[in-house]
Amino acid sequence: MDSCLYPALRANGKSVTTIEGLSKDGRLDRLQQAVLDHHALQCGFCTPGFIMSAKALLDKNPHPTREEVKVAIAGNLCRCTGYEQLIEAILDAAGRE
């Protein structure tokens, strides 16, 4: 969900995961590592939105198609790099289970 559109009071008592919560014991999550390995993002401004959208997709569908990845990240914009490397990174992360 878009956190900027979700009133904070509605999250009271619920578990909320941010991009910082994905890494464990100082190690990047498989999705974060794949994005880094593929040099998929540049300036970092859009990184949390893309990664959290991709994480939500992989949690629901561990083996998405390229088209499903495109749909999942469609609500995010990147003006630096484009999307192909990011799509490849997400598909790579899906294979890293």
PDB file of N, CA and C in Angstrom:
ATOM      1  N   MET A   1       0.833  -1.162   0.000  1.00  0.00           N
ATOM      2  CA  MET A   1       0.000   0.000   0.000  1.00  0.00           C
ATOM      3  C   MET A   1       0.880   1.226   0.000  1.00  0.00           C
ATOM      4  N   ASP A   2       0.379   2.303  -0.498  1.00  0.00           N
ATOM      5  CA  ASP A   2       1.114   3.558  -0.506  1.00  0.00           C
ATOM      6  C   ASP A   2       1.026   4.193   0.871  1.00  0.00           C
ATOM      7  N   SER A   3       2.135   4.229   1.572  1.00  0.00           N
ATOM      8  CA  SER A   3       2.122   4.762   2.937  1.00  0.00           C
ATOM      9  C   SER A   3       1.719   6.229   2.973  1.00  0.00           C
ATOM     10  N   CYS A   4       1.975   6.945   1.903  1.00  0.00           N
ATOM     11  CA  CYS A   4       1.610   8.359   1.888  1.00  0.00           C
ATOM     12  C   CYS A   4       0.100   8.553   1.779  1.00  0.00           C
ATOM     13  N   LEU A   5      -0.621   7.514   1.436  1.00  0.00           N
ATOM     14  CA  LEU A   5      -2.075   7.593   1.304  1.00  0.00           C
ATOM     15  C   LEU A   5      -2.810   6.881   2.423  1.00  0.00           C
ATOM     16  N   TYR A   6      -2.085   6.307   3.359  1.00  0.00           N
ATOM     17  CA  TYR A   6      -2.674   5.501   4.421  1.00  0.00           C
ATOM     18  C   TYR A   6      -2.553   6.248   5.746  1.00  0.00           C
ATOM     19  N   PRO A   7      -3.668   6.625   6.357  1.00  0.00           N
ATOM     20  CA  PRO A   7      -3.599   7.348   7.631  1.00  0.00           C
ATOM     21  C   PRO A   7      -2.876   6.525   8.707  1.00  0.00           C
ATOM     22  N   ALA A   8      -1.974   7.166   9.426  1.00  0.00           N
ATOM     23  CA  ALA A   8      -1.169   6.481  10.444  1.00  0.00           C
ATOM     24  C   ALA A   8      -2.030   5.800  11.502  1.00  0.00           C
ATOM     25  N   LEU A   9      -3.140   6.400  11.871  1.00  0.00           N
ATOM     26  CA  LEU A   9      -4.001   5.796  12.893  1.00  0.00           C
ATOM     27  C   LEU A   9      -4.546   4.440  12.466  1.00  0.00           C
ATOM     28  N   ARG A  10      -4.721   4.233  11.179  1.00  0.00           N
ATOM     29  CA  ARG A  10      -5.226   2.942  10.703  1.00  0.00           C
ATOM     30  C   ARG A  10      -4.179   1.846  10.835  1.00  0.00           C
ATOM     31  N   ALA A  11      -2.925   2.221  10.998  1.00  0.00           N
ATOM     32  CA  ALA A  11      -1.852   1.234  11.171  1.00  0.00           C
ATOM     33  C   ALA A  11      -1.642   0.868  12.638  1.00  0.00           C
ATOM     34  N   ASN A  12      -2.348   1.519  13.528  1.00  0.00           N
ATOM     35  CA  ASN A  12      -2.213   1.252  14.962  1.00  0.00           C
ATOM     36  C   ASN A  12      -2.462  -0.227  15.258  1.00  0.00           C
ATOM     37  N   GLY A  13      -1.498  -0.870  15.911  1.00  0.00           N
ATOM     38  CA  GLY A  13      -1.629  -2.275  16.267  1.00  0.00           C
ATOM     39  C   GLY A  13      -1.296  -3.244  15.148  1.00  0.00           C
ATOM     40  N   LYS A  14      -0.913  -2.732  13.992  1.00  0.00           N
ATOM     41  CA  LYS A  14      -0.578  -3.592  12.854  1.00  0.00           C
ATOM     42  C   LYS A  14       0.938  -3.611  12.645  1.00  0.00           C
ATOM     43  N   SER A  15       1.402  -4.632  11.982  1.00  0.00           N
ATOM     44  CA  SER A  15       2.816  -4.734  11.648  1.00  0.00           C
ATOM     45  C   SER A  15       3.092  -3.912  10.388  1.00  0.00           C
ATOM     46  N   VAL A  16       4.097  -3.059  10.446  1.00  0.00           N
ATOM     47  CA  VAL A  16       4.479  -2.229   9.308  1.00  0.00           C
ATOM     48  C   VAL A  16       5.945  -2.503   9.005  1.00  0.00           C
ATOM     49  N   THR A  17       6.231  -2.868   7.772  1.00  0.00           N
ATOM     50  CA  THR A  17       7.613  -3.113   7.365  1.00  0.00           C
ATOM     51  C   THR A  17       8.045  -2.021   6.405  1.00  0.00           C
ATOM     52  N   THR A  18       9.167  -1.403   6.702  1.00  0.00           N
ATOM     53  CA  THR A  18       9.753  -0.407   5.813  1.00  0.00           C
ATOM     54  C   THR A  18      10.963  -1.033   5.129  1.00  0.00           C
ATOM     55  N   ILE A  19      11.542  -0.316   4.209  1.00  0.00           N
ATOM     56  CA  ILE A  19      12.712  -0.847   3.505  1.00  0.00           C
ATOM     57  C   ILE A  19      13.849  -1.157   4.483  1.00  0.00           C
ATOM     58  N   GLU A  20      13.954  -0.366   5.548  1.00  0.00           N
ATOM     59  CA  GLU A  20      14.998  -0.618   6.542  1.00  0.00           C
ATOM     60  C   GLU A  20      14.773  -1.933   7.273  1.00  0.00           C
ATOM     61  N   GLY A  21      13.535  -2.379   7.336  1.00  0.00           N
ATOM     62  CA  GLY A  21      13.205  -3.614   8.035  1.00  0.00           C
ATOM     63  C   GLY A  21      13.441  -4.876   7.228  1.00  0.00           C
ATOM     64  N   LEU A  22      13.846  -4.739   5.972  1.00  0.00           N
ATOM     65  CA  LEU A  22      14.073  -5.922   5.136  1.00  0.00           C
ATOM     66  C   LEU A  22      15.402  -6.606   5.442  1.00  0.00           C
ATOM     67  N   SER A  23      16.421  -5.827   5.766  1.00  0.00           N
ATOM     68  CA  SER A  23      17.728  -6.436   6.028  1.00  0.00           C
ATOM     69  C   SER A  23      17.724  -7.099   7.400  1.00  0.00           C
ATOM     70  N   LYS A  24      18.465  -8.175   7.503  1.00  0.00           N
ATOM     71  CA  LYS A  24      18.560  -8.938   8.751  1.00  0.00           C
ATOM     72  C   LYS A  24      20.023  -9.087   9.134  1.00  0.00           C
ATOM     73  N   ASP A  25      20.339  -8.812  10.375  1.00  0.00           N
ATOM     74  CA  ASP A  25      21.704  -8.966  10.894  1.00  0.00           C
ATOM     75  C   ASP A  25      22.737  -8.243  10.030  1.00  0.00           C
ATOM     76  N   GLY A  26      22.366  -7.073   9.523  1.00  0.00           N
ATOM     77  CA  GLY A  26      23.289  -6.289   8.717  1.00  0.00           C
ATOM     78  C   GLY A  26      23.454  -6.758   7.288  1.00  0.00           C
ATOM     79  N   ARG A  27      22.690  -7.779   6.905  1.00  0.00           N
ATOM     80  CA  ARG A  27      22.772  -8.310   5.533  1.00  0.00           C
ATOM     81  C   ARG A  27      21.549  -7.874   4.752  1.00  0.00           C
ATOM     82  N   LEU A  28      21.768  -7.477   3.512  1.00  0.00           N
ATOM     83  CA  LEU A  28      20.660  -7.064   2.668  1.00  0.00           C
ATOM     84  C   LEU A  28      19.731  -8.232   2.375  1.00  0.00           C
ATOM     85  N   ASP A  29      18.471  -7.935   2.214  1.00  0.00           N
ATOM     86  CA  ASP A  29      17.473  -8.893   1.757  1.00  0.00           C
ATOM     87  C   ASP A  29      17.838  -9.322   0.331  1.00  0.00           C
ATOM     88  N   ARG A  30      17.386 -10.480  -0.097  1.00  0.00           N
ATOM     89  CA  ARG A  30      17.724 -10.987  -1.445  1.00  0.00           C
ATOM     90  C   ARG A  30      17.305 -10.006  -2.530  1.00  0.00           C
ATOM     91  N   LEU A  31      16.186  -9.330  -2.342  1.00  0.00           N
ATOM     92  CA  LEU A  31      15.713  -8.357  -3.322  1.00  0.00           C
ATOM     93  C   LEU A  31      16.621  -7.124  -3.335  1.00  0.00           C
ATOM     94  N   GLN A  32      16.961  -6.620  -2.166  1.00  0.00           N
ATOM     95  CA  GLN A  32      17.884  -5.486  -2.089  1.00  0.00           C
ATOM     96  C   GLN A  32      19.220  -5.838  -2.743  1.00  0.00           C
ATOM     97  N   GLN A  33      19.728  -7.031  -2.475  1.00  0.00           N
ATOM     98  CA  GLN A  33      21.011  -7.454  -3.036  1.00  0.00           C
ATOM     99  C   GLN A  33      20.930  -7.586  -4.549  1.00  0.00           C
ATOM    100  N   ALA A  34      19.831  -8.113  -5.053  1.00  0.00           N
ATOM    101  CA  ALA A  34      19.672  -8.257  -6.502  1.00  0.00           C
ATOM    102  C   ALA A  34      19.636  -6.893  -7.185  1.00  0.00           C
ATOM    103  N   VAL A  35      18.946  -5.928  -6.587  1.00  0.00           N
ATOM    104  CA  VAL A  35      18.898  -4.574  -7.152  1.00  0.00           C
ATOM    105  C   VAL A  35      20.306  -3.983  -7.183  1.00  0.00           C
ATOM    106  N   LEU A  36      21.056  -4.185  -6.134  1.00  0.00           N
ATOM    107  CA  LEU A  36      22.438  -3.710  -6.079  1.00  0.00           C
ATOM    108  C   LEU A  36      23.297  -4.418  -7.126  1.00  0.00           C
ATOM    109  N   ASP A  37      23.198  -5.727  -7.209  1.00  0.00           N
ATOM    110  CA  ASP A  37      24.001  -6.512  -8.156  1.00  0.00           C
ATOM    111  C   ASP A  37      23.732  -6.129  -9.609  1.00  0.00           C
ATOM    112  N   HIS A  38      22.496  -5.770  -9.914  1.00  0.00           N
ATOM    113  CA  HIS A  38      22.108  -5.417 -11.286  1.00  0.00           C
ATOM    114  C   HIS A  38      22.281  -3.926 -11.581  1.00  0.00           C
ATOM    115  N   HIS A  39      22.768  -3.168 -10.597  1.00  0.00           N
ATOM    116  CA  HIS A  39      22.905  -1.711 -10.766  1.00  0.00           C
ATOM    117  C   HIS A  39      21.594  -1.135 -11.292  1.00  0.00           C
ATOM    118  N   ALA A  40      20.503  -1.564 -10.665  1.00  0.00           N
ATOM    119  CA  ALA A  40      19.176  -1.286 -11.200  1.00  0.00           C
ATOM    120  C   ALA A  40      18.652   0.103 -10.879  1.00  0.00           C
ATOM    121  N   LEU A  41      19.183   0.751  -9.866  1.00  0.00           N
ATOM    122  CA  LEU A  41      18.715   2.087  -9.510  1.00  0.00           C
ATOM    123  C   LEU A  41      19.918   2.988  -9.302  1.00  0.00           C
ATOM    124  N   GLN A  42      19.719   4.280  -9.512  1.00  0.00           N
ATOM    125  CA  GLN A  42      20.865   5.172  -9.485  1.00  0.00           C
ATOM    126  C   GLN A  42      20.846   6.158  -8.323  1.00  0.00           C
ATOM    127  N   CYS A  43      19.935   7.097  -8.301  1.00  0.00           N
ATOM    128  CA  CYS A  43      20.013   8.171  -7.302  1.00  0.00           C
ATOM    129  C   CYS A  43      19.482   7.758  -5.937  1.00  0.00           C
ATOM    130  N   GLY A  44      18.625   6.773  -5.875  1.00  0.00           N
ATOM    131  CA  GLY A  44      18.099   6.287  -4.608  1.00  0.00           C
ATOM    132  C   GLY A  44      16.765   6.871  -4.192  1.00  0.00           C
ATOM    133  N   PHE A  45      16.321   7.920  -4.849  1.00  0.00           N
ATOM    134  CA  PHE A  45      15.064   8.559  -4.466  1.00  0.00           C
ATOM    135  C   PHE A  45      13.880   7.603  -4.592  1.00  0.00           C
ATOM    136  N   CYS A  46      13.844   6.822  -5.644  1.00  0.00           N
ATOM    137  CA  CYS A  46      12.712   5.924  -5.897  1.00  0.00           C
ATOM    138  C   CYS A  46      12.923   4.519  -5.332  1.00  0.00           C
ATOM    139  N   THR A  47      14.103   4.249  -4.804  1.00  0.00           N
ATOM    140  CA  THR A  47      14.453   2.898  -4.361  1.00  0.00           C
ATOM    141  C   THR A  47      13.460   2.282  -3.385  1.00  0.00           C
ATOM    142  N   PRO A  48      13.078   2.951  -2.303  1.00  0.00           N
ATOM    143  CA  PRO A  48      12.145   2.321  -1.362  1.00  0.00           C
ATOM    144  C   PRO A  48      10.820   1.913  -2.001  1.00  0.00           C
ATOM    145  N   GLY A  49      10.268   2.774  -2.834  1.00  0.00           N
ATOM    146  CA  GLY A  49       8.993   2.453  -3.472  1.00  0.00           C
ATOM    147  C   GLY A  49       9.085   1.238  -4.376  1.00  0.00           C
ATOM    148  N   PHE A  50      10.125   1.181  -5.191  1.00  0.00           N
ATOM    149  CA  PHE A  50      10.292   0.040  -6.083  1.00  0.00           C
ATOM    150  C   PHE A  50      10.527  -1.246  -5.300  1.00  0.00           C
ATOM    151  N   ILE A  51      11.413  -1.196  -4.331  1.00  0.00           N
ATOM    152  CA  ILE A  51      11.737  -2.417  -3.593  1.00  0.00           C
ATOM    153  C   ILE A  51      10.546  -2.906  -2.781  1.00  0.00           C
ATOM    154  N   MET A  52       9.830  -2.015  -2.142  1.00  0.00           N
ATOM    155  CA  MET A  52       8.675  -2.454  -1.345  1.00  0.00           C
ATOM    156  C   MET A  52       7.550  -2.960  -2.242  1.00  0.00           C
ATOM    157  N   SER A  53       7.362  -2.373  -3.419  1.00  0.00           N
ATOM    158  CA  SER A  53       6.371  -2.895  -4.367  1.00  0.00           C
ATOM    159  C   SER A  53       6.768  -4.286  -4.845  1.00  0.00           C
ATOM    160  N   ALA A  54       8.043  -4.455  -5.145  1.00  0.00           N
ATOM    161  CA  ALA A  54       8.535  -5.763  -5.579  1.00  0.00           C
ATOM    162  C   ALA A  54       8.445  -6.785  -4.453  1.00  0.00           C
ATOM    163  N   LYS A  55       8.742  -6.362  -3.233  1.00  0.00           N
ATOM    164  CA  LYS A  55       8.652  -7.267  -2.073  1.00  0.00           C
ATOM    165  C   LYS A  55       7.222  -7.747  -1.883  1.00  0.00           C
ATOM    166  N   ALA A  56       6.261  -6.841  -2.006  1.00  0.00           N
ATOM    167  CA  ALA A  56       4.851  -7.222  -1.883  1.00  0.00           C
ATOM    168  C   ALA A  56       4.483  -8.242  -2.957  1.00  0.00           C
ATOM    169  N   LEU A  57       4.976  -8.039  -4.171  1.00  0.00           N
ATOM    170  CA  LEU A  57       4.717  -8.991  -5.252  1.00  0.00           C
ATOM    171  C   LEU A  57       5.318 -10.351  -4.920  1.00  0.00           C
ATOM    172  N   LEU A  58       6.586 -10.388  -4.532  1.00  0.00           N
ATOM    173  CA  LEU A  58       7.254 -11.663  -4.269  1.00  0.00           C
ATOM    174  C   LEU A  58       6.669 -12.386  -3.061  1.00  0.00           C
ATOM    175  N   ASP A  59       6.142 -11.628  -2.104  1.00  0.00           N
ATOM    176  CA  ASP A  59       5.478 -12.266  -0.961  1.00  0.00           C
ATOM    177  C   ASP A  59       4.205 -12.980  -1.396  1.00  0.00           C
ATOM    178  N   LYS A  60       3.496 -12.404  -2.353  1.00  0.00           N
ATOM    179  CA  LYS A  60       2.247 -13.004  -2.850  1.00  0.00           C
ATOM    180  C   LYS A  60       2.499 -14.029  -3.945  1.00  0.00           C
ATOM    181  N   ASN A  61       3.520 -13.771  -4.758  1.00  0.00           N
ATOM    182  CA  ASN A  61       3.804 -14.610  -5.917  1.00  0.00           C
ATOM    183  C   ASN A  61       5.321 -14.775  -6.033  1.00  0.00           C
ATOM    184  N   PRO A  62       5.885 -15.818  -5.440  1.00  0.00           N
ATOM    185  CA  PRO A  62       7.340 -15.985  -5.420  1.00  0.00           C
ATOM    186  C   PRO A  62       7.999 -16.159  -6.790  1.00  0.00           C
ATOM    187  N   HIS A  63       7.226 -16.507  -7.806  1.00  0.00           N
ATOM    188  CA  HIS A  63       7.794 -16.731  -9.141  1.00  0.00           C
ATOM    189  C   HIS A  63       6.983 -15.979 -10.193  1.00  0.00           C
ATOM    190  N   PRO A  64       7.055 -14.650 -10.175  1.00  0.00           N
ATOM    191  CA  PRO A  64       6.251 -13.865 -11.113  1.00  0.00           C
ATOM    192  C   PRO A  64       6.812 -13.906 -12.531  1.00  0.00           C
ATOM    193  N   THR A  65       5.944 -13.618 -13.467  1.00  0.00           N
ATOM    194  CA  THR A  65       6.372 -13.445 -14.853  1.00  0.00           C
ATOM    195  C   THR A  65       6.888 -12.017 -15.020  1.00  0.00           C
ATOM    196  N   ARG A  66       7.550 -11.777 -16.126  1.00  0.00           N
ATOM    197  CA  ARG A  66       8.027 -10.424 -16.443  1.00  0.00           C
ATOM    198  C   ARG A  66       6.853  -9.440 -16.450  1.00  0.00           C
ATOM    199  N   GLU A  67       5.746  -9.842 -17.023  1.00  0.00           N
ATOM    200  CA  GLU A  67       4.574  -8.964 -17.091  1.00  0.00           C
ATOM    201  C   GLU A  67       4.026  -8.660 -15.697  1.00  0.00           C
ATOM    202  N   GLU A  68       4.006  -9.645 -14.821  1.00  0.00           N
ATOM    203  CA  GLU A  68       3.531  -9.427 -13.448  1.00  0.00           C
ATOM    204  C   GLU A  68       4.448  -8.464 -12.695  1.00  0.00           C
ATOM    205  N   VAL A  69       5.739  -8.543 -12.960  1.00  0.00           N
ATOM    206  CA  VAL A  69       6.680  -7.605 -12.347  1.00  0.00           C
ATOM    207  C   VAL A  69       6.392  -6.191 -12.844  1.00  0.00           C
ATOM    208  N   LYS A  70       6.186  -6.045 -14.144  1.00  0.00           N
ATOM    209  CA  LYS A  70       5.890  -4.723 -14.704  1.00  0.00           C
ATOM    210  C   LYS A  70       4.644  -4.115 -14.075  1.00  0.00           C
ATOM    211  N   VAL A  71       3.616  -4.921 -13.901  1.00  0.00           N
ATOM    212  CA  VAL A  71       2.375  -4.437 -13.285  1.00  0.00           C
ATOM    213  C   VAL A  71       2.630  -4.030 -11.833  1.00  0.00           C
ATOM    214  N   ALA A  72       3.399  -4.833 -11.112  1.00  0.00           N
ATOM    215  CA  ALA A  72       3.652  -4.574  -9.689  1.00  0.00           C
ATOM    216  C   ALA A  72       4.404  -3.270  -9.447  1.00  0.00           C
ATOM    217  N   ILE A  73       5.298  -2.901 -10.351  1.00  0.00           N
ATOM    218  CA  ILE A  73       6.094  -1.687 -10.145  1.00  0.00           C
ATOM    219  C   ILE A  73       5.546  -0.488 -10.909  1.00  0.00           C
ATOM    220  N   ALA A  74       4.426  -0.653 -11.576  1.00  0.00           N
ATOM    221  CA  ALA A  74       3.879   0.393 -12.441  1.00  0.00           C
ATOM    222  C   ALA A  74       3.553   1.695 -11.710  1.00  0.00           C
ATOM    223  N   GLY A  75       3.316   1.647 -10.421  1.00  0.00           N
ATOM    224  CA  GLY A  75       2.983   2.859  -9.679  1.00  0.00           C
ATOM    225  C   GLY A  75       4.188   3.684  -9.261  1.00  0.00           C
ATOM    226  N   ASN A  76       5.373   3.259  -9.644  1.00  0.00           N
ATOM    227  CA  ASN A  76       6.610   3.952  -9.272  1.00  0.00           C
ATOM    228  C   ASN A  76       7.264   4.549 -10.514  1.00  0.00           C
ATOM    229  N   LEU A  77       7.947   5.663 -10.326  1.00  0.00           N
ATOM    230  CA  LEU A  77       8.639   6.315 -11.439  1.00  0.00           C
ATOM    231  C   LEU A  77      10.129   6.413 -11.158  1.00  0.00           C
ATOM    232  N   CYS A  78      10.923   6.178 -12.190  1.00  0.00           N
ATOM    233  CA  CYS A  78      12.370   6.365 -12.107  1.00  0.00           C
ATOM    234  C   CYS A  78      12.777   7.227 -13.296  1.00  0.00           C
ATOM    235  N   ARG A  79      13.423   8.324 -13.020  1.00  0.00           N
ATOM    236  CA  ARG A  79      13.861   9.209 -14.098  1.00  0.00           C
ATOM    237  C   ARG A  79      15.347   9.023 -14.417  1.00  0.00           C
ATOM    238  N   CYS A  80      16.013   8.149 -13.679  1.00  0.00           N
ATOM    239  CA  CYS A  80      17.463   7.981 -13.849  1.00  0.00           C
ATOM    240  C   CYS A  80      17.845   6.811 -14.749  1.00  0.00           C
ATOM    241  N   THR A  81      17.251   5.654 -14.521  1.00  0.00           N
ATOM    242  CA  THR A  81      17.799   4.444 -15.145  1.00  0.00           C
ATOM    243  C   THR A  81      16.866   3.707 -16.082  1.00  0.00           C
ATOM    244  N   GLY A  82      15.598   3.922 -16.018  1.00  0.00           N
ATOM    245  CA  GLY A  82      14.679   3.084 -16.770  1.00  0.00           C
ATOM    246  C   GLY A  82      14.320   1.865 -15.944  1.00  0.00           C
ATOM    247  N   TYR A  83      13.742   0.872 -16.582  1.00  0.00           N
ATOM    248  CA  TYR A  83      13.141  -0.215 -15.814  1.00  0.00           C
ATOM    249  C   TYR A  83      13.685  -1.606 -16.113  1.00  0.00           C
ATOM    250  N   GLU A  84      14.379  -1.800 -17.202  1.00  0.00           N
ATOM    251  CA  GLU A  84      14.792  -3.153 -17.590  1.00  0.00           C
ATOM    252  C   GLU A  84      15.720  -3.805 -16.571  1.00  0.00           C
ATOM    253  N   GLN A  85      16.704  -3.074 -16.085  1.00  0.00           N
ATOM    254  CA  GLN A  85      17.623  -3.656 -15.096  1.00  0.00           C
ATOM    255  C   GLN A  85      16.885  -3.977 -13.798  1.00  0.00           C
ATOM    256  N   LEU A  86      15.922  -3.150 -13.452  1.00  0.00           N
ATOM    257  CA  LEU A  86      15.135  -3.389 -12.245  1.00  0.00           C
ATOM    258  C   LEU A  86      14.272  -4.634 -12.401  1.00  0.00           C
ATOM    259  N   ILE A  87      13.647  -4.782 -13.548  1.00  0.00           N
ATOM    260  CA  ILE A  87      12.828  -5.973 -13.803  1.00  0.00           C
ATOM    261  C   ILE A  87      13.699  -7.221 -13.726  1.00  0.00           C
ATOM    262  N   GLU A  88      14.882  -7.159 -14.322  1.00  0.00           N
ATOM    263  CA  GLU A  88      15.809  -8.296 -14.260  1.00  0.00           C
ATOM    264  C   GLU A  88      16.220  -8.590 -12.819  1.00  0.00           C
ATOM    265  N   ALA A  89      16.447  -7.553 -12.033  1.00  0.00           N
ATOM    266  CA  ALA A  89      16.831  -7.741 -10.630  1.00  0.00           C
ATOM    267  C   ALA A  89      15.722  -8.429  -9.846  1.00  0.00           C
ATOM    268  N   ILE A  90      14.485  -8.028 -10.079  1.00  0.00           N
ATOM    269  CA  ILE A  90      13.354  -8.631  -9.371  1.00  0.00           C
ATOM    270  C   ILE A  90      13.198 -10.093  -9.772  1.00  0.00           C
ATOM    271  N   LEU A  91      13.317 -10.373 -11.060  1.00  0.00           N
ATOM    272  CA  LEU A  91      13.227 -11.765 -11.519  1.00  0.00           C
ATOM    273  C   LEU A  91      14.383 -12.592 -10.953  1.00  0.00           C
ATOM    274  N   ASP A  92      15.565 -11.988 -10.865  1.00  0.00           N
ATOM    275  CA  ASP A  92      16.715 -12.669 -10.268  1.00  0.00           C
ATOM    276  C   ASP A  92      16.454 -12.958  -8.789  1.00  0.00           C
ATOM    277  N   ALA A  93      15.922 -11.987  -8.072  1.00  0.00           N
ATOM    278  CA  ALA A  93      15.610 -12.186  -6.648  1.00  0.00           C
ATOM    279  C   ALA A  93      14.597 -13.308  -6.467  1.00  0.00           C
ATOM    280  N   ALA A  94      13.660 -13.421  -7.389  1.00  0.00           N
ATOM    281  CA  ALA A  94      12.664 -14.498  -7.305  1.00  0.00           C
ATOM    282  C   ALA A  94      13.342 -15.861  -7.403  1.00  0.00           C
ATOM    283  N   GLY A  95      14.436 -15.933  -8.137  1.00  0.00           N
ATOM    284  CA  GLY A  95      15.164 -17.183  -8.274  1.00  0.00           C
ATOM    285  C   GLY A  95      16.151 -17.450  -7.154  1.00  0.00           C
ATOM    286  N   ARG A  96      16.321 -16.509  -6.231  1.00  0.00           N
ATOM    287  CA  ARG A  96      17.302 -16.642  -5.146  1.00  0.00           C
ATOM    288  C   ARG A  96      16.722 -17.250  -3.887  1.00  0.00           C
ATOM    289  N   GLU A  97      15.517 -17.711  -3.924  1.00  0.00           N
ATOM    290  CA  GLU A  97      14.875 -18.243  -2.707  1.00  0.00           C
ATOM    291  C   GLU A  97      15.726 -19.278  -2.022  1.00  0.00           C
TER     292      GLU A  97
END
